[in-house]
Every structure is written in C-alpha cells, then in structure tokens.
Amino acid sequence: MGAQGDISKRIVSIVPAVTEMLFEIGAGEQVVGIS
C-alpha cells in the first residue's frame, strides 16, 4: 500500500443524472465508469 498522499480519486456513476451533474461541476476527469 502507498502513502495516503498517493490515493487517487476516481468516480463510478451508476445514475445518469448524477453523471451529468459530475461533468457540469467539473469532475468529469475523475469519472472512470458509467452505467
């Protein structure tokens, strides 16, 4: 395991409306999976 500073944040969205909101608030680069 790496140090806490090495933790990357990734998002998997399973609700289409939430996916849209994530992109609207600028978190689209963190989205790695959608349903």
C-alpha atoms as a PDB file:
ATOM      1  CA  MET A   1       0.000   0.000   0.000  1.00  0.00           C
ATOM      2  CA  GLY A   2       1.132   3.502  -0.782  1.00  0.00           C
ATOM      3  CA  ALA A   3       1.165   6.553   1.400  1.00  0.00           C
ATOM      4  CA  GLN A   4      -2.090   8.425   1.913  1.00  0.00           C
ATOM      5  CA  GLY A   5      -0.882  11.202  -0.371  1.00  0.00           C
ATOM      6  CA  ASP A   6      -0.807   8.731  -3.265  1.00  0.00           C
ATOM      7  CA  ILE A   7      -4.545   7.980  -3.168  1.00  0.00           C
ATOM      8  CA  SER A   8      -6.223   8.979  -6.422  1.00  0.00           C
ATOM      9  CA  LYS A   9      -9.916   9.804  -6.502  1.00  0.00           C
ATOM     10  CA  ARG A  10     -11.990   8.021  -9.110  1.00  0.00           C
ATOM     11  CA  ILE A  11     -15.745   8.011  -9.566  1.00  0.00           C
ATOM     12  CA  VAL A  12     -18.054   5.331 -10.932  1.00  0.00           C
ATOM     13  CA  SER A  13     -21.523   6.735 -11.561  1.00  0.00           C
ATOM     14  CA  ILE A  14     -24.496   4.402 -11.866  1.00  0.00           C
ATOM     15  CA  VAL A  15     -27.155   7.110 -12.177  1.00  0.00           C
ATOM     16  CA  PRO A  16     -27.244   9.020 -15.491  1.00  0.00           C
ATOM     17  CA  ALA A  17     -28.454  12.254 -13.876  1.00  0.00           C
ATOM     18  CA  VAL A  18     -25.569  12.141 -11.401  1.00  0.00           C
ATOM     19  CA  THR A  19     -23.119  11.558 -14.263  1.00  0.00           C
ATOM     20  CA  GLU A  20     -24.401  14.715 -15.946  1.00  0.00           C
ATOM     21  CA  MET A  21     -24.029  16.685 -12.714  1.00  0.00           C
ATOM     22  CA  LEU A  22     -20.459  15.458 -12.229  1.00  0.00           C
ATOM     23  CA  PHE A  23     -19.493  16.787 -15.652  1.00  0.00           C
ATOM     24  CA  GLU A  24     -21.332  20.065 -15.009  1.00  0.00           C
ATOM     25  CA  ILE A  25     -19.363  20.698 -11.810  1.00  0.00           C
ATOM     26  CA  GLY A  26     -16.058  19.893 -13.492  1.00  0.00           C
ATOM     27  CA  ALA A  27     -15.465  16.427 -12.029  1.00  0.00           C
ATOM     28  CA  GLY A  28     -15.657  14.697 -15.413  1.00  0.00           C
ATOM     29  CA  GLU A  29     -11.952  13.846 -15.441  1.00  0.00           C
ATOM     30  CA  GLN A  30     -12.432  11.737 -12.306  1.00  0.00           C
ATOM     31  CA  VAL A  31     -15.265   9.669 -13.796  1.00  0.00           C
ATOM     32  CA  VAL A  32     -13.848   6.272 -14.781  1.00  0.00           C
ATOM     33  CA  GLY A  33     -17.043   4.290 -15.228  1.00  0.00           C
ATOM     34  CA  ILE A  34     -20.704   4.842 -16.002  1.00  0.00           C
ATOM     35  CA  SER A  35     -23.732   2.632 -16.435  1.00  0.00           C
END
